[in-house]
Amino acid sequence: MRFKGKVVLITGASRGIGRATALLFSREGAKIIVNYNNAEKEANEVVKEISKIGSEAIALRCDVSKEDEVRKMVSDGVKKFGKIDILVNNAGIVFDAPLFEKTLDQWNKTLGINLIGIFLCSKYVAPILKKQKSGAIINISSTNGLDTLSTESADYDASKAGVISLTKNLASELAPNVRVNCIAPGWVNTDINKGLPKDYVDEETEHILMKRFGKPEEIGKAVLFLASDDSSFINGTTLVVDGGYS
């Protein structure tokens, strides 16, 4: 098991990519800090599933855009497991609306969760990793951060582009002992995409070489790769996982 004895903090781990990643890490022997904000029931279910797998987990509520809450989450996680080895910054939100109908509140929330949240979680986990002289941070961006798909998601696109830039800066700051990389998923079958119109889904699927949306587990496996020693010479990069979109 590649992560036996390791402790992994995953934000937004109650469902979707975060949940799938938590379960994959636990099957590889890791202990998991399951972060959630609103979905307490779902987070506790993830903890139960991890227990059934034979590993340990704790669910911790935290709005990653709020510094005091992030500081407490990291502190409580260390109190429970003694350390943190890997941070997966996965929490994210999106508001779809015409560009100039976007409210300032929507922009602030999107940037707060998707970008500032990554800064805050990294800020409070980094000293732990630096002291241990080892560890990895994996940030979840989006192909929207590389190529804008819709003006209705301008704030989301901007936040995800920022994640890619922040990843490079974090990698530079924490080198050489702590690696920081980024994943840019394309379309994935998660709750955030369940409400998309069928015609739009069909149209977007035609642009994907694999002719389907991705599975959360397929993104999770990429996360595990970047967190493992298999990627020991990969740092400051963004891995696109989109099935071949054109």
C-alpha atoms as a PDB file:
ATOM      1  CA  MET A   1       0.000   0.000   0.000  1.00  0.00           C
ATOM      2  CA  ARG A   2       1.551   3.253  -1.215  1.00  0.00           C
ATOM      3  CA  PHE A   3       0.194   5.491   1.554  1.00  0.00           C
ATOM      4  CA  LYS A   4       0.285   3.287   4.630  1.00  0.00           C
ATOM      5  CA  GLY A   5       0.757   5.503   7.699  1.00  0.00           C
ATOM      6  CA  LYS A   6       0.168   8.718   5.752  1.00  0.00           C
ATOM      7  CA  VAL A   7      -2.444  11.323   6.742  1.00  0.00           C
ATOM      8  CA  VAL A   8      -4.357  13.056   3.956  1.00  0.00           C
ATOM      9  CA  LEU A   9      -6.486  16.190   4.294  1.00  0.00           C
ATOM     10  CA  ILE A  10      -9.018  16.494   1.467  1.00  0.00           C
ATOM     11  CA  THR A  11     -11.227  19.560   1.215  1.00  0.00           C
ATOM     12  CA  GLY A  12     -14.697  19.123  -0.195  1.00  0.00           C
ATOM     13  CA  ALA A  13     -14.460  15.391   0.482  1.00  0.00           C
ATOM     14  CA  SER A  14     -18.115  14.637   1.196  1.00  0.00           C
ATOM     15  CA  ARG A  15     -18.967  13.878  -2.436  1.00  0.00           C
ATOM     16  CA  GLY A  16     -17.786  13.856  -6.036  1.00  0.00           C
ATOM     17  CA  ILE A  17     -14.078  13.926  -6.760  1.00  0.00           C
ATOM     18  CA  GLY A  18     -13.206  14.542  -3.097  1.00  0.00           C
ATOM     19  CA  ARG A  19     -15.165  11.508  -1.896  1.00  0.00           C
ATOM     20  CA  ALA A  20     -13.731   9.255  -4.585  1.00  0.00           C
ATOM     21  CA  THR A  21     -10.208  10.438  -3.775  1.00  0.00           C
ATOM     22  CA  ALA A  22     -10.710   9.847  -0.048  1.00  0.00           C
ATOM     23  CA  LEU A  23     -11.808   6.264  -0.649  1.00  0.00           C
ATOM     24  CA  LEU A  24      -8.905   5.586  -3.000  1.00  0.00           C
ATOM     25  CA  PHE A  25      -6.370   6.922  -0.505  1.00  0.00           C
ATOM     26  CA  SER A  26      -7.913   4.860   2.299  1.00  0.00           C
ATOM     27  CA  ARG A  27      -7.638   1.681   0.233  1.00  0.00           C
ATOM     28  CA  GLU A  28      -3.930   2.457  -0.039  1.00  0.00           C
ATOM     29  CA  GLY A  29      -3.574   2.640   3.752  1.00  0.00           C
ATOM     30  CA  ALA A  30      -3.958   6.380   4.390  1.00  0.00           C
ATOM     31  CA  LYS A  31      -5.858   8.036   7.220  1.00  0.00           C
ATOM     32  CA  ILE A  32      -8.223  10.705   5.952  1.00  0.00           C
ATOM     33  CA  ILE A  33      -9.369  14.103   7.208  1.00  0.00           C
ATOM     34  CA  VAL A  34     -12.708  14.512   5.426  1.00  0.00           C
ATOM     35  CA  ASN A  35     -13.468  18.208   5.123  1.00  0.00           C
ATOM     36  CA  TYR A  36     -16.998  19.420   4.415  1.00  0.00           C
ATOM     37  CA  ASN A  37     -18.926  22.639   4.812  1.00  0.00           C
ATOM     38  CA  ASN A  38     -22.655  21.915   4.515  1.00  0.00           C
ATOM     39  CA  ALA A  39     -22.919  18.191   3.743  1.00  0.00           C
ATOM     40  CA  GLU A  40     -22.401  16.749   7.244  1.00  0.00           C
ATOM     41  CA  LYS A  41     -24.454  13.612   6.601  1.00  0.00           C
ATOM     42  CA  GLU A  42     -22.549  12.801   3.418  1.00  0.00           C
ATOM     43  CA  ALA A  43     -19.201  13.453   5.114  1.00  0.00           C
ATOM     44  CA  ASN A  44     -20.057  11.078   7.968  1.00  0.00           C
ATOM     45  CA  GLU A  45     -21.043   8.457   5.410  1.00  0.00           C
ATOM     46  CA  VAL A  46     -17.614   8.781   3.802  1.00  0.00           C
ATOM     47  CA  VAL A  47     -16.024   8.263   7.221  1.00  0.00           C
ATOM     48  CA  LYS A  48     -18.116   5.099   7.683  1.00  0.00           C
ATOM     49  CA  GLU A  49     -17.077   3.797   4.277  1.00  0.00           C
ATOM     50  CA  ILE A  50     -13.430   4.382   5.100  1.00  0.00           C
ATOM     51  CA  SER A  51     -13.879   2.519   8.371  1.00  0.00           C
ATOM     52  CA  LYS A  52     -15.340  -0.438   6.475  1.00  0.00           C
ATOM     53  CA  ILE A  53     -12.297  -0.410   4.210  1.00  0.00           C
ATOM     54  CA  GLY A  54     -10.160  -0.776   7.338  1.00  0.00           C
ATOM     55  CA  SER A  55      -8.644   2.666   7.685  1.00  0.00           C
ATOM     56  CA  GLU A  56      -9.342   5.689   9.899  1.00  0.00           C
ATOM     57  CA  ALA A  57     -11.018   8.991   9.141  1.00  0.00           C
ATOM     58  CA  ILE A  58     -12.495  12.049  10.778  1.00  0.00           C
ATOM     59  CA  ALA A  59     -15.033  14.516   9.351  1.00  0.00           C
ATOM     60  CA  LEU A  60     -14.269  18.171  10.053  1.00  0.00           C
ATOM     61  CA  ARG A  61     -16.539  21.062   9.094  1.00  0.00           C
ATOM     62  CA  CYS A  62     -14.806  24.112   7.676  1.00  0.00           C
ATOM     63  CA  ASP A  63     -15.545  26.884   5.216  1.00  0.00           C
ATOM     64  CA  VAL A  64     -12.157  27.032   3.516  1.00  0.00           C
ATOM     65  CA  SER A  65     -12.621  30.714   2.656  1.00  0.00           C
ATOM     66  CA  LYS A  66     -12.530  31.625   6.365  1.00  0.00           C
ATOM     67  CA  GLU A  67      -9.090  31.764   7.933  1.00  0.00           C
ATOM     68  CA  ASP A  68     -10.106  31.002  11.532  1.00  0.00           C
ATOM     69  CA  GLU A  69     -12.007  27.916  10.417  1.00  0.00           C
ATOM     70  CA  VAL A  70      -9.102  26.669   8.298  1.00  0.00           C
ATOM     71  CA  ARG A  71      -6.672  27.174  11.165  1.00  0.00           C
ATOM     72  CA  LYS A  72      -8.951  25.173  13.484  1.00  0.00           C
ATOM     73  CA  MET A  73      -9.504  22.385  10.945  1.00  0.00           C
ATOM     74  CA  VAL A  74      -5.780  21.866  10.467  1.00  0.00           C
ATOM     75  CA  SER A  75      -5.184  21.997  14.233  1.00  0.00           C
ATOM     76  CA  ASP A  76      -7.975  19.493  14.932  1.00  0.00           C
ATOM     77  CA  GLY A  77      -6.699  17.180  12.213  1.00  0.00           C
ATOM     78  CA  VAL A  78      -3.210  17.176  13.686  1.00  0.00           C
ATOM     79  CA  LYS A  79      -4.631  16.577  17.173  1.00  0.00           C
ATOM     80  CA  LYS A  80      -6.442  13.515  15.843  1.00  0.00           C
ATOM     81  CA  PHE A  81      -3.694  11.958  13.719  1.00  0.00           C
ATOM     82  CA  GLY A  82      -0.485  13.681  14.849  1.00  0.00           C
ATOM     83  CA  LYS A  83       0.487  15.032  11.438  1.00  0.00           C
ATOM     84  CA  ILE A  84      -0.577  15.776   7.878  1.00  0.00           C
ATOM     85  CA  ASP A  85       1.405  14.386   4.944  1.00  0.00           C
ATOM     86  CA  ILE A  86      -0.734  15.271   1.945  1.00  0.00           C
ATOM     87  CA  LEU A  87      -3.152  18.120   1.246  1.00  0.00           C
ATOM     88  CA  VAL A  88      -5.701  17.838  -1.561  1.00  0.00           C
ATOM     89  CA  ASN A  89      -7.328  21.209  -2.242  1.00  0.00           C
ATOM     90  CA  ASN A  90     -10.520  20.040  -3.906  1.00  0.00           C
ATOM     91  CA  ALA A  91     -13.356  22.222  -2.538  1.00  0.00           C
ATOM     92  CA  GLY A  92     -15.048  24.265  -5.225  1.00  0.00           C
ATOM     93  CA  ILE A  93     -18.283  25.978  -6.219  1.00  0.00           C
ATOM     94  CA  VAL A  94     -19.778  27.443  -9.384  1.00  0.00           C
ATOM     95  CA  PHE A  95     -22.619  29.840 -10.173  1.00  0.00           C
ATOM     96  CA  ASP A  96     -23.826  29.717 -13.767  1.00  0.00           C
ATOM     97  CA  ALA A  97     -25.329  33.026 -14.872  1.00  0.00           C
ATOM     98  CA  PRO A  98     -24.846  35.495 -17.736  1.00  0.00           C
ATOM     99  CA  LEU A  99     -21.606  37.395 -17.249  1.00  0.00           C
ATOM    100  CA  PHE A 100     -23.028  40.807 -16.410  1.00  0.00           C
ATOM    101  CA  GLU A 101     -25.779  39.326 -14.258  1.00  0.00           C
ATOM    102  CA  LYS A 102     -23.164  37.909 -11.904  1.00  0.00           C
ATOM    103  CA  THR A 103     -23.354  39.549  -8.504  1.00  0.00           C
ATOM    104  CA  LEU A 104     -20.379  40.714  -6.494  1.00  0.00           C
ATOM    105  CA  ASP A 105     -21.400  38.249  -3.796  1.00  0.00           C
ATOM    106  CA  GLN A 106     -21.175  35.384  -6.304  1.00  0.00           C
ATOM    107  CA  TRP A 107     -17.737  36.527  -7.428  1.00  0.00           C
ATOM    108  CA  ASN A 108     -16.527  36.820  -3.849  1.00  0.00           C
ATOM    109  CA  LYS A 109     -17.841  33.384  -2.881  1.00  0.00           C
ATOM    110  CA  THR A 110     -16.378  31.731  -5.965  1.00  0.00           C
ATOM    111  CA  LEU A 111     -12.946  33.278  -5.507  1.00  0.00           C
ATOM    112  CA  GLY A 112     -13.134  32.700  -1.753  1.00  0.00           C
ATOM    113  CA  ILE A 113     -13.756  28.964  -1.989  1.00  0.00           C
ATOM    114  CA  ASN A 114     -11.965  28.091  -5.226  1.00  0.00           C
ATOM    115  CA  LEU A 115      -8.811  30.188  -4.896  1.00  0.00           C
ATOM    116  CA  ILE A 116      -8.388  31.879  -1.526  1.00  0.00           C
ATOM    117  CA  GLY A 117      -9.369  28.614   0.159  1.00  0.00           C
ATOM    118  CA  ILE A 118      -6.408  26.904  -1.482  1.00  0.00           C
ATOM    119  CA  PHE A 119      -4.098  29.658  -0.254  1.00  0.00           C
ATOM    120  CA  LEU A 120      -5.430  29.394   3.323  1.00  0.00           C
ATOM    121  CA  CYS A 121      -5.291  25.602   3.534  1.00  0.00           C
ATOM    122  CA  SER A 122      -1.806  25.584   2.051  1.00  0.00           C
ATOM    123  CA  LYS A 123      -0.710  28.366   4.419  1.00  0.00           C
ATOM    124  CA  TYR A 124      -1.611  26.348   7.508  1.00  0.00           C
ATOM    125  CA  VAL A 125      -0.558  22.906   6.266  1.00  0.00           C
ATOM    126  CA  ALA A 126       2.756  24.062   4.753  1.00  0.00           C
ATOM    127  CA  PRO A 127       4.580  24.572   8.092  1.00  0.00           C
ATOM    128  CA  ILE A 128       3.754  20.975   9.031  1.00  0.00           C
ATOM    129  CA  LEU A 129       5.099  19.636   5.743  1.00  0.00           C
ATOM    130  CA  LYS A 130       8.204  21.837   5.899  1.00  0.00           C
ATOM    131  CA  LYS A 131       8.982  20.656   9.418  1.00  0.00           C
ATOM    132  CA  GLN A 132       8.656  17.039   8.276  1.00  0.00           C
ATOM    133  CA  LYS A 133      10.745  17.874   5.177  1.00  0.00           C
ATOM    134  CA  SER A 134       8.341  15.856   3.070  1.00  0.00           C
ATOM    135  CA  GLY A 135       4.841  15.919   1.675  1.00  0.00           C
ATOM    136  CA  ALA A 136       2.712  16.902  -1.264  1.00  0.00           C
ATOM    137  CA  ILE A 137      -0.037  19.350  -2.118  1.00  0.00           C
ATOM    138  CA  ILE A 138      -2.389  18.662  -5.029  1.00  0.00           C
ATOM    139  CA  ASN A 139      -4.711  21.427  -6.179  1.00  0.00           C
ATOM    140  CA  ILE A 140      -7.819  20.771  -8.246  1.00  0.00           C
ATOM    141  CA  SER A 141      -8.230  23.348 -10.996  1.00  0.00           C
ATOM    142  CA  SER A 142     -10.197  22.816 -14.225  1.00  0.00           C
ATOM    143  CA  THR A 143      -9.692  22.883 -17.956  1.00  0.00           C
ATOM    144  CA  ASN A 144     -11.776  26.083 -17.666  1.00  0.00           C
ATOM    145  CA  GLY A 145      -8.670  27.592 -16.088  1.00  0.00           C
ATOM    146  CA  LEU A 146      -6.776  26.889 -19.301  1.00  0.00           C
ATOM    147  CA  ASP A 147      -9.437  27.605 -21.901  1.00  0.00           C
ATOM    148  CA  THR A 148     -12.676  29.465 -21.162  1.00  0.00           C
ATOM    149  CA  LEU A 149     -15.694  27.419 -22.202  1.00  0.00           C
ATOM    150  CA  SER A 150     -18.547  29.799 -21.369  1.00  0.00           C
ATOM    151  CA  THR A 151     -18.977  33.414 -20.359  1.00  0.00           C
ATOM    152  CA  GLU A 152     -21.558  32.191 -17.840  1.00  0.00           C
ATOM    153  CA  SER A 153     -18.712  30.768 -15.757  1.00  0.00           C
ATOM    154  CA  ALA A 154     -16.331  33.745 -15.977  1.00  0.00           C
ATOM    155  CA  ASP A 155     -15.772  33.933 -12.218  1.00  0.00           C
ATOM    156  CA  TYR A 156     -15.223  30.170 -12.010  1.00  0.00           C
ATOM    157  CA  ASP A 157     -12.804  30.275 -14.957  1.00  0.00           C
ATOM    158  CA  ALA A 158     -10.848  33.126 -13.366  1.00  0.00           C
ATOM    159  CA  SER A 159     -10.616  31.280 -10.060  1.00  0.00           C
ATOM    160  CA  LYS A 160      -9.374  28.104 -11.726  1.00  0.00           C
ATOM    161  CA  ALA A 161      -6.786  29.994 -13.770  1.00  0.00           C
ATOM    162  CA  GLY A 162      -5.639  31.490 -10.482  1.00  0.00           C
ATOM    163  CA  VAL A 163      -5.261  28.004  -9.005  1.00  0.00           C
ATOM    164  CA  ILE A 164      -2.818  27.086 -11.760  1.00  0.00           C
ATOM    165  CA  SER A 165      -0.769  30.218 -11.125  1.00  0.00           C
ATOM    166  CA  LEU A 166      -0.873  29.731  -7.357  1.00  0.00           C
ATOM    167  CA  THR A 167       0.289  26.141  -7.783  1.00  0.00           C
ATOM    168  CA  LYS A 168       3.490  27.303  -9.474  1.00  0.00           C
ATOM    169  CA  ASN A 169       4.143  29.850  -6.736  1.00  0.00           C
ATOM    170  CA  LEU A 170       3.514  27.318  -3.963  1.00  0.00           C
ATOM    171  CA  ALA A 171       5.828  24.817  -5.646  1.00  0.00           C
ATOM    172  CA  SER A 172       8.575  27.432  -5.782  1.00  0.00           C
ATOM    173  CA  GLU A 173       8.022  28.462  -2.160  1.00  0.00           C
ATOM    174  CA  LEU A 174       8.021  24.927  -0.734  1.00  0.00           C
ATOM    175  CA  ALA A 175      10.744  23.296  -2.851  1.00  0.00           C
ATOM    176  CA  PRO A 176      12.717  21.112  -2.642  1.00  0.00           C
ATOM    177  CA  ASN A 177      11.161  18.895   0.032  1.00  0.00           C
ATOM    178  CA  VAL A 178       7.453  19.498  -0.602  1.00  0.00           C
ATOM    179  CA  ARG A 179       5.981  19.078  -4.077  1.00  0.00           C
ATOM    180  CA  VAL A 180       2.944  21.051  -5.275  1.00  0.00           C
ATOM    181  CA  ASN A 181       1.070  20.074  -8.413  1.00  0.00           C
ATOM    182  CA  CYS A 182      -2.288  20.711 -10.014  1.00  0.00           C
ATOM    183  CA  ILE A 183      -4.914  18.693 -11.855  1.00  0.00           C
ATOM    184  CA  ALA A 184      -7.199  20.252 -14.461  1.00  0.00           C
ATOM    185  CA  PRO A 185     -10.186  17.934 -14.943  1.00  0.00           C
ATOM    186  CA  GLY A 186     -12.491  18.281 -17.896  1.00  0.00           C
ATOM    187  CA  TRP A 187     -16.110  17.166 -17.744  1.00  0.00           C
ATOM    188  CA  VAL A 188     -16.710  14.755 -14.854  1.00  0.00           C
ATOM    189  CA  ASN A 189     -19.911  13.067 -13.712  1.00  0.00           C
ATOM    190  CA  THR A 190     -20.354  14.834 -10.368  1.00  0.00           C
ATOM    191  CA  ASP A 191     -23.223  16.548  -8.563  1.00  0.00           C
ATOM    192  CA  ILE A 192     -22.081  19.925  -9.848  1.00  0.00           C
ATOM    193  CA  ASN A 193     -22.858  18.795 -13.414  1.00  0.00           C
ATOM    194  CA  LYS A 194     -26.068  16.824 -12.802  1.00  0.00           C
ATOM    195  CA  GLY A 195     -28.323  19.730 -13.723  1.00  0.00           C
ATOM    196  CA  LEU A 196     -26.833  20.329 -17.165  1.00  0.00           C
ATOM    197  CA  PRO A 197     -29.330  20.112 -20.078  1.00  0.00           C
ATOM    198  CA  LYS A 198     -29.110  16.826 -21.985  1.00  0.00           C
ATOM    199  CA  ASP A 199     -28.569  18.570 -25.318  1.00  0.00           C
ATOM    200  CA  TYR A 200     -25.610  20.456 -23.868  1.00  0.00           C
ATOM    201  CA  VAL A 201     -24.143  17.269 -22.378  1.00  0.00           C
ATOM    202  CA  ASP A 202     -24.488  15.504 -25.738  1.00  0.00           C
ATOM    203  CA  GLU A 203     -22.835  18.417 -27.517  1.00  0.00           C
ATOM    204  CA  GLU A 204     -19.917  18.547 -25.097  1.00  0.00           C
ATOM    205  CA  THR A 205     -19.492  14.760 -25.189  1.00  0.00           C
ATOM    206  CA  GLU A 206     -18.902  14.983 -28.939  1.00  0.00           C
ATOM    207  CA  HIS A 207     -15.852  17.166 -28.218  1.00  0.00           C
ATOM    208  CA  ILE A 208     -14.308  14.471 -25.965  1.00  0.00           C
ATOM    209  CA  LEU A 209     -12.215  11.816 -27.721  1.00  0.00           C
ATOM    210  CA  MET A 210     -13.357   9.223 -25.163  1.00  0.00           C
ATOM    211  CA  LYS A 211     -17.004  10.123 -25.979  1.00  0.00           C
ATOM    212  CA  ARG A 212     -18.018  10.291 -22.325  1.00  0.00           C
ATOM    213  CA  PHE A 213     -17.644  12.351 -19.179  1.00  0.00           C
ATOM    214  CA  GLY A 214     -14.992  11.234 -16.707  1.00  0.00           C
ATOM    215  CA  LYS A 215     -15.603   9.335 -13.497  1.00  0.00           C
ATOM    216  CA  PRO A 216     -14.644  10.900 -10.140  1.00  0.00           C
ATOM    217  CA  GLU A 217     -12.372   7.899  -9.518  1.00  0.00           C
ATOM    218  CA  GLU A 218     -10.409   8.687 -12.660  1.00  0.00           C
ATOM    219  CA  ILE A 219      -9.547  12.109 -11.289  1.00  0.00           C
ATOM    220  CA  GLY A 220      -8.833  10.566  -7.890  1.00  0.00           C
ATOM    221  CA  LYS A 221      -6.304   8.157  -9.395  1.00  0.00           C
ATOM    222  CA  ALA A 222      -4.464  11.105 -10.930  1.00  0.00           C
ATOM    223  CA  VAL A 223      -4.388  12.744  -7.488  1.00  0.00           C
ATOM    224  CA  LEU A 224      -2.877   9.605  -5.969  1.00  0.00           C
ATOM    225  CA  PHE A 225      -0.244   9.534  -8.698  1.00  0.00           C
ATOM    226  CA  LEU A 226       0.828  13.122  -7.985  1.00  0.00           C
ATOM    227  CA  ALA A 227       0.859  12.442  -4.237  1.00  0.00           C
ATOM    228  CA  SER A 228       2.973   9.300  -4.569  1.00  0.00           C
ATOM    229  CA  ASP A 229       6.667   8.666  -5.081  1.00  0.00           C
ATOM    230  CA  ASP A 230       5.790   7.614  -8.643  1.00  0.00           C
ATOM    231  CA  SER A 231       5.755  11.338  -9.455  1.00  0.00           C
ATOM    232  CA  SER A 232       8.814  12.231  -7.385  1.00  0.00           C
ATOM    233  CA  PHE A 233      10.315  14.442 -10.125  1.00  0.00           C
ATOM    234  CA  ILE A 234       7.082  16.248 -11.045  1.00  0.00           C
ATOM    235  CA  ASN A 235       6.663  19.642  -9.427  1.00  0.00           C
ATOM    236  CA  GLY A 236       4.790  22.847 -10.204  1.00  0.00           C
ATOM    237  CA  THR A 237       2.938  21.314 -13.128  1.00  0.00           C
ATOM    238  CA  THR A 238      -0.695  21.010 -14.219  1.00  0.00           C
ATOM    239  CA  LEU A 239      -1.932  17.614 -15.373  1.00  0.00           C
ATOM    240  CA  VAL A 240      -4.921  17.782 -17.729  1.00  0.00           C
ATOM    241  CA  VAL A 241      -7.384  14.909 -17.253  1.00  0.00           C
ATOM    242  CA  ASP A 242     -10.162  15.520 -19.771  1.00  0.00           C
ATOM    243  CA  GLY A 243     -10.481  12.442 -21.979  1.00  0.00           C
ATOM    244  CA  GLY A 244      -9.029  14.401 -24.866  1.00  0.00           C
ATOM    245  CA  TYR A 245     -11.168  17.503 -25.372  1.00  0.00           C
ATOM    246  CA  SER A 246     -11.011  19.491 -28.582  1.00  0.00           C
END
